[in-house]
Amino acid sequence: MQTTDWEEEFREYVTTRGPALLRAANQLTGHPLDAEDLLQNALTKTYQAWGRIEDRRALDGYVRRAMVNINISQWRRRKLEEYPSGDELPEVVAASEGTPCGEIHERLEQALRELPDRMRAAIVLRYYEDMTEPEIAQTLGISVGTVKSTVSRAMSKLRSALGLSGS
């Protein structure tokens, strides 16, 4: 089977940008297997729209937006929401200057996974994707005030989980 130029271009894009997009998907879902599924679904939508995407520099934004939209749709379809209870959370030792950088990142990743979906998405969009509060509100379909309170509560939970004092 012969591939067309645009199919080869798409394949090259996925090969080049796939790892970075998978990291973003992992931040959104909090679970590696869910992240792979989310990215696959977003790339499927991108593949279908490839001919309509005129600005190739905007591809990452298109795929990320697709991932966020798909993730939100999955939240809405979910009938049972699961939140970790305080009894099941691991003991976390306060961060110190002697804590290796990799360990801090692992603890942060764990704390992010323990956040409810909307909080995790708001934190990822704000601090990993560097979106403004109005952009996050539009993306998540909530008000700017809800974004502010959600991010504030999420940051408080992260500080608490990491044993850091709040501010």
C-alpha atoms as a PDB file:
ATOM      1  CA  MET A   1       0.000   0.000   0.000  1.00  0.00           C
ATOM      2  CA  GLN A   2       1.342   3.378  -0.996  1.00  0.00           C
ATOM      3  CA  THR A   3       1.206   6.310   1.426  1.00  0.00           C
ATOM      4  CA  THR A   4       0.426   9.850   0.373  1.00  0.00           C
ATOM      5  CA  ASP A   5       2.541  12.873   1.252  1.00  0.00           C
ATOM      6  CA  TRP A   6       0.133  14.014   3.969  1.00  0.00           C
ATOM      7  CA  GLU A   7       0.083  10.564   5.554  1.00  0.00           C
ATOM      8  CA  GLU A   8       3.871  10.582   5.671  1.00  0.00           C
ATOM      9  CA  GLU A   9       3.765  14.105   7.134  1.00  0.00           C
ATOM     10  CA  PHE A  10       1.318  12.912   9.812  1.00  0.00           C
ATOM     11  CA  ARG A  11       3.493   9.879  10.599  1.00  0.00           C
ATOM     12  CA  GLU A  12       6.558  12.129  10.973  1.00  0.00           C
ATOM     13  CA  TYR A  13       4.603  14.498  13.251  1.00  0.00           C
ATOM     14  CA  VAL A  14       3.492  11.637  15.517  1.00  0.00           C
ATOM     15  CA  THR A  15       7.011  10.214  15.652  1.00  0.00           C
ATOM     16  CA  THR A  16       8.537  13.587  16.474  1.00  0.00           C
ATOM     17  CA  ARG A  17       5.958  15.005  18.900  1.00  0.00           C
ATOM     18  CA  GLY A  18       4.474  11.801  20.314  1.00  0.00           C
ATOM     19  CA  PRO A  19       6.564  11.604  23.510  1.00  0.00           C
ATOM     20  CA  ALA A  20       5.821  15.225  24.503  1.00  0.00           C
ATOM     21  CA  LEU A  21       2.124  14.781  23.761  1.00  0.00           C
ATOM     22  CA  LEU A  22       2.071  11.560  25.786  1.00  0.00           C
ATOM     23  CA  ARG A  23       3.551  13.411  28.768  1.00  0.00           C
ATOM     24  CA  ALA A  24       0.757  16.014  28.485  1.00  0.00           C
ATOM     25  CA  ALA A  25      -1.852  13.233  28.252  1.00  0.00           C
ATOM     26  CA  ASN A  26      -0.367  11.557  31.314  1.00  0.00           C
ATOM     27  CA  GLN A  27      -0.660  14.816  33.233  1.00  0.00           C
ATOM     28  CA  LEU A  28      -4.316  15.093  32.240  1.00  0.00           C
ATOM     29  CA  THR A  29      -5.302  11.535  33.112  1.00  0.00           C
ATOM     30  CA  GLY A  30      -2.884  10.649  35.872  1.00  0.00           C
ATOM     31  CA  HIS A  31      -2.605   7.082  34.559  1.00  0.00           C
ATOM     32  CA  PRO A  32      -0.177   5.871  31.847  1.00  0.00           C
ATOM     33  CA  LEU A  33      -2.625   3.505  30.127  1.00  0.00           C
ATOM     34  CA  ASP A  34      -5.420   6.088  30.151  1.00  0.00           C
ATOM     35  CA  ALA A  35      -2.923   8.612  28.762  1.00  0.00           C
ATOM     36  CA  GLU A  36      -2.069   6.316  25.855  1.00  0.00           C
ATOM     37  CA  ASP A  37      -5.768   5.848  25.073  1.00  0.00           C
ATOM     38  CA  LEU A  38      -6.416   9.593  25.334  1.00  0.00           C
ATOM     39  CA  LEU A  39      -3.515  10.443  23.025  1.00  0.00           C
ATOM     40  CA  GLN A  40      -4.558   7.747  20.541  1.00  0.00           C
ATOM     41  CA  ASN A  41      -8.104   9.164  20.408  1.00  0.00           C
ATOM     42  CA  ALA A  42      -6.783  12.707  19.970  1.00  0.00           C
ATOM     43  CA  LEU A  43      -4.403  11.613  17.201  1.00  0.00           C
ATOM     44  CA  THR A  44      -7.281   9.830  15.469  1.00  0.00           C
ATOM     45  CA  LYS A  45      -9.255  13.087  15.459  1.00  0.00           C
ATOM     46  CA  THR A  46      -6.176  14.945  14.232  1.00  0.00           C
ATOM     47  CA  TYR A  47      -5.643  12.418  11.438  1.00  0.00           C
ATOM     48  CA  GLN A  48      -9.247  12.859  10.316  1.00  0.00           C
ATOM     49  CA  ALA A  49      -8.871  16.655  10.325  1.00  0.00           C
ATOM     50  CA  TRP A  50      -5.331  16.756   8.874  1.00  0.00           C
ATOM     51  CA  GLY A  51      -6.401  18.233   5.555  1.00  0.00           C
ATOM     52  CA  ARG A  52      -8.355  21.026   7.287  1.00  0.00           C
ATOM     53  CA  ILE A  53      -5.477  22.105   9.542  1.00  0.00           C
ATOM     54  CA  GLU A  54      -3.815  24.851   7.533  1.00  0.00           C
ATOM     55  CA  ASP A  55      -1.296  26.103  10.092  1.00  0.00           C
ATOM     56  CA  ARG A  56       0.991  23.167  10.830  1.00  0.00           C
ATOM     57  CA  ARG A  57       2.628  25.173  13.632  1.00  0.00           C
ATOM     58  CA  ALA A  58      -0.668  24.900  15.555  1.00  0.00           C
ATOM     59  CA  LEU A  59      -0.723  21.084  15.528  1.00  0.00           C
ATOM     60  CA  ASP A  60       0.366  20.667  19.151  1.00  0.00           C
ATOM     61  CA  GLY A  61      -2.374  23.034  20.260  1.00  0.00           C
ATOM     62  CA  TYR A  62      -4.927  21.158  18.164  1.00  0.00           C
ATOM     63  CA  VAL A  63      -3.938  17.789  19.648  1.00  0.00           C
ATOM     64  CA  ARG A  64      -3.808  19.154  23.209  1.00  0.00           C
ATOM     65  CA  ARG A  65      -7.221  20.758  22.820  1.00  0.00           C
ATOM     66  CA  ALA A  66      -8.578  17.462  21.460  1.00  0.00           C
ATOM     67  CA  MET A  67      -7.118  15.639  24.485  1.00  0.00           C
ATOM     68  CA  VAL A  68      -8.731  18.089  26.912  1.00  0.00           C
ATOM     69  CA  ASN A  69     -12.090  17.884  25.140  1.00  0.00           C
ATOM     70  CA  ILE A  70     -12.016  14.075  25.030  1.00  0.00           C
ATOM     71  CA  ASN A  71     -10.996  13.920  28.686  1.00  0.00           C
ATOM     72  CA  ILE A  72     -13.866  16.242  29.670  1.00  0.00           C
ATOM     73  CA  SER A  73     -16.316  14.107  27.693  1.00  0.00           C
ATOM     74  CA  GLN A  74     -15.080  11.040  29.563  1.00  0.00           C
ATOM     75  CA  TRP A  75     -15.623  12.772  32.914  1.00  0.00           C
ATOM     76  CA  ARG A  76     -19.172  13.627  31.960  1.00  0.00           C
ATOM     77  CA  ARG A  77     -19.932  10.049  30.924  1.00  0.00           C
ATOM     78  CA  ARG A  78     -18.540   8.624  34.133  1.00  0.00           C
ATOM     79  CA  LYS A  79     -21.364   7.652  36.491  1.00  0.00           C
ATOM     80  CA  LEU A  80     -19.266   6.907  39.551  1.00  0.00           C
ATOM     81  CA  GLU A  81     -16.639   9.365  40.647  1.00  0.00           C
ATOM     82  CA  GLU A  82     -13.759   8.005  42.653  1.00  0.00           C
ATOM     83  CA  TYR A  83     -11.839  10.122  45.127  1.00  0.00           C
ATOM     84  CA  PRO A  84      -9.127   8.844  47.390  1.00  0.00           C
ATOM     85  CA  SER A  85     -10.079   8.836  51.056  1.00  0.00           C
ATOM     86  CA  GLY A  86      -7.802  10.238  53.705  1.00  0.00           C
ATOM     87  CA  ASP A  87      -7.293   6.731  55.113  1.00  0.00           C
ATOM     88  CA  GLU A  88      -5.691   5.449  51.917  1.00  0.00           C
ATOM     89  CA  LEU A  89      -3.229   8.283  51.290  1.00  0.00           C
ATOM     90  CA  PRO A  90       0.420   7.437  51.908  1.00  0.00           C
ATOM     91  CA  GLU A  91       2.442   9.238  54.550  1.00  0.00           C
ATOM     92  CA  VAL A  92       4.500  11.973  52.923  1.00  0.00           C
ATOM     93  CA  VAL A  93       7.713  13.258  54.421  1.00  0.00           C
ATOM     94  CA  ALA A  94       8.211  17.027  54.187  1.00  0.00           C
ATOM     95  CA  ALA A  95      10.494  18.143  51.359  1.00  0.00           C
ATOM     96  CA  SER A  96      13.920  19.265  52.460  1.00  0.00           C
ATOM     97  CA  GLU A  97      16.964  20.633  50.755  1.00  0.00           C
ATOM     98  CA  GLY A  98      18.490  17.168  50.940  1.00  0.00           C
ATOM     99  CA  THR A  99      15.623  15.551  48.999  1.00  0.00           C
ATOM    100  CA  PRO A 100      16.789  14.464  45.535  1.00  0.00           C
ATOM    101  CA  CYS A 101      15.091  16.308  42.671  1.00  0.00           C
ATOM    102  CA  GLY A 102      13.786  13.069  41.132  1.00  0.00           C
ATOM    103  CA  GLU A 103      12.101  12.099  44.392  1.00  0.00           C
ATOM    104  CA  ILE A 104      10.332  15.461  44.592  1.00  0.00           C
ATOM    105  CA  HIS A 105       9.071  15.041  41.029  1.00  0.00           C
ATOM    106  CA  GLU A 106       7.816  11.539  41.823  1.00  0.00           C
ATOM    107  CA  ARG A 107       5.996  12.814  44.908  1.00  0.00           C
ATOM    108  CA  LEU A 108       4.463  15.654  42.888  1.00  0.00           C
ATOM    109  CA  GLU A 109       3.310  13.213  40.185  1.00  0.00           C
ATOM    110  CA  GLN A 110       1.744  11.006  42.871  1.00  0.00           C
ATOM    111  CA  ALA A 111       0.025  13.994  44.490  1.00  0.00           C
ATOM    112  CA  LEU A 112      -1.312  15.082  41.078  1.00  0.00           C
ATOM    113  CA  ARG A 113      -2.718  11.600  40.433  1.00  0.00           C
ATOM    114  CA  GLU A 114      -4.586  11.762  43.742  1.00  0.00           C
ATOM    115  CA  LEU A 115      -6.379  15.003  42.822  1.00  0.00           C
ATOM    116  CA  PRO A 116      -9.939  14.817  41.453  1.00  0.00           C
ATOM    117  CA  ASP A 117     -10.068  15.026  37.642  1.00  0.00           C
ATOM    118  CA  ARG A 118     -11.179  18.663  37.366  1.00  0.00           C
ATOM    119  CA  MET A 119      -8.530  19.852  39.829  1.00  0.00           C
ATOM    120  CA  ARG A 120      -5.808  17.899  38.049  1.00  0.00           C
ATOM    121  CA  ALA A 121      -6.883  19.285  34.662  1.00  0.00           C
ATOM    122  CA  ALA A 122      -6.937  22.860  35.984  1.00  0.00           C
ATOM    123  CA  ILE A 123      -3.435  22.490  37.467  1.00  0.00           C
ATOM    124  CA  VAL A 124      -2.050  20.873  34.308  1.00  0.00           C
ATOM    125  CA  LEU A 125      -3.537  23.540  32.053  1.00  0.00           C
ATOM    126  CA  ARG A 126      -2.405  26.388  34.320  1.00  0.00           C
ATOM    127  CA  TYR A 127       1.103  25.325  35.240  1.00  0.00           C
ATOM    128  CA  TYR A 128       2.135  22.756  32.616  1.00  0.00           C
ATOM    129  CA  GLU A 129       0.420  24.247  29.565  1.00  0.00           C
ATOM    130  CA  ASP A 130       0.747  27.857  30.847  1.00  0.00           C
ATOM    131  CA  MET A 131      -2.851  28.761  30.003  1.00  0.00           C
ATOM    132  CA  THR A 132      -4.548  31.836  31.458  1.00  0.00           C
ATOM    133  CA  GLU A 133      -7.555  31.520  33.749  1.00  0.00           C
ATOM    134  CA  PRO A 134      -9.994  32.633  30.994  1.00  0.00           C
ATOM    135  CA  GLU A 135      -8.465  30.076  28.592  1.00  0.00           C
ATOM    136  CA  ILE A 136      -8.824  27.335  31.207  1.00  0.00           C
ATOM    137  CA  ALA A 137     -12.417  28.387  31.892  1.00  0.00           C
ATOM    138  CA  GLN A 138     -13.254  28.172  28.197  1.00  0.00           C
ATOM    139  CA  THR A 139     -11.462  24.848  27.773  1.00  0.00           C
ATOM    140  CA  LEU A 140     -13.120  23.208  30.774  1.00  0.00           C
ATOM    141  CA  GLY A 141     -16.500  24.861  30.237  1.00  0.00           C
ATOM    142  CA  ILE A 142     -16.558  26.515  33.670  1.00  0.00           C
ATOM    143  CA  SER A 143     -16.467  30.114  34.932  1.00  0.00           C
ATOM    144  CA  VAL A 144     -13.244  32.017  35.625  1.00  0.00           C
ATOM    145  CA  GLY A 145     -14.206  32.161  39.312  1.00  0.00           C
ATOM    146  CA  THR A 146     -14.538  28.378  39.394  1.00  0.00           C
ATOM    147  CA  VAL A 147     -11.093  28.078  37.762  1.00  0.00           C
ATOM    148  CA  LYS A 148      -9.587  30.329  40.452  1.00  0.00           C
ATOM    149  CA  SER A 149     -11.164  28.433  43.338  1.00  0.00           C
ATOM    150  CA  THR A 150     -10.387  25.034  41.782  1.00  0.00           C
ATOM    151  CA  VAL A 151      -6.709  25.924  41.242  1.00  0.00           C
ATOM    152  CA  SER A 152      -6.487  27.381  44.752  1.00  0.00           C
ATOM    153  CA  ARG A 153      -7.985  24.272  46.366  1.00  0.00           C
ATOM    154  CA  ALA A 154      -5.811  22.004  44.224  1.00  0.00           C
ATOM    155  CA  MET A 155      -2.645  23.897  45.144  1.00  0.00           C
ATOM    156  CA  SER A 156      -3.617  23.643  48.824  1.00  0.00           C
ATOM    157  CA  LYS A 157      -4.071  19.873  48.476  1.00  0.00           C
ATOM    158  CA  LEU A 158      -0.736  19.555  46.667  1.00  0.00           C
ATOM    159  CA  ARG A 159       1.069  21.580  49.330  1.00  0.00           C
ATOM    160  CA  SER A 160      -0.504  19.449  52.029  1.00  0.00           C
ATOM    161  CA  ALA A 161       0.364  16.201  50.231  1.00  0.00           C
ATOM    162  CA  LEU A 162       3.965  17.344  49.793  1.00  0.00           C
ATOM    163  CA  GLY A 163       4.232  18.560  53.397  1.00  0.00           C
ATOM    164  CA  LEU A 164       4.793  22.183  52.385  1.00  0.00           C
ATOM    165  CA  SER A 165       3.411  25.200  54.226  1.00  0.00           C
ATOM    166  CA  GLY A 166       0.699  27.058  52.280  1.00  0.00           C
ATOM    167  CA  SER A 167       0.961  30.453  50.647  1.00  0.00           C
END
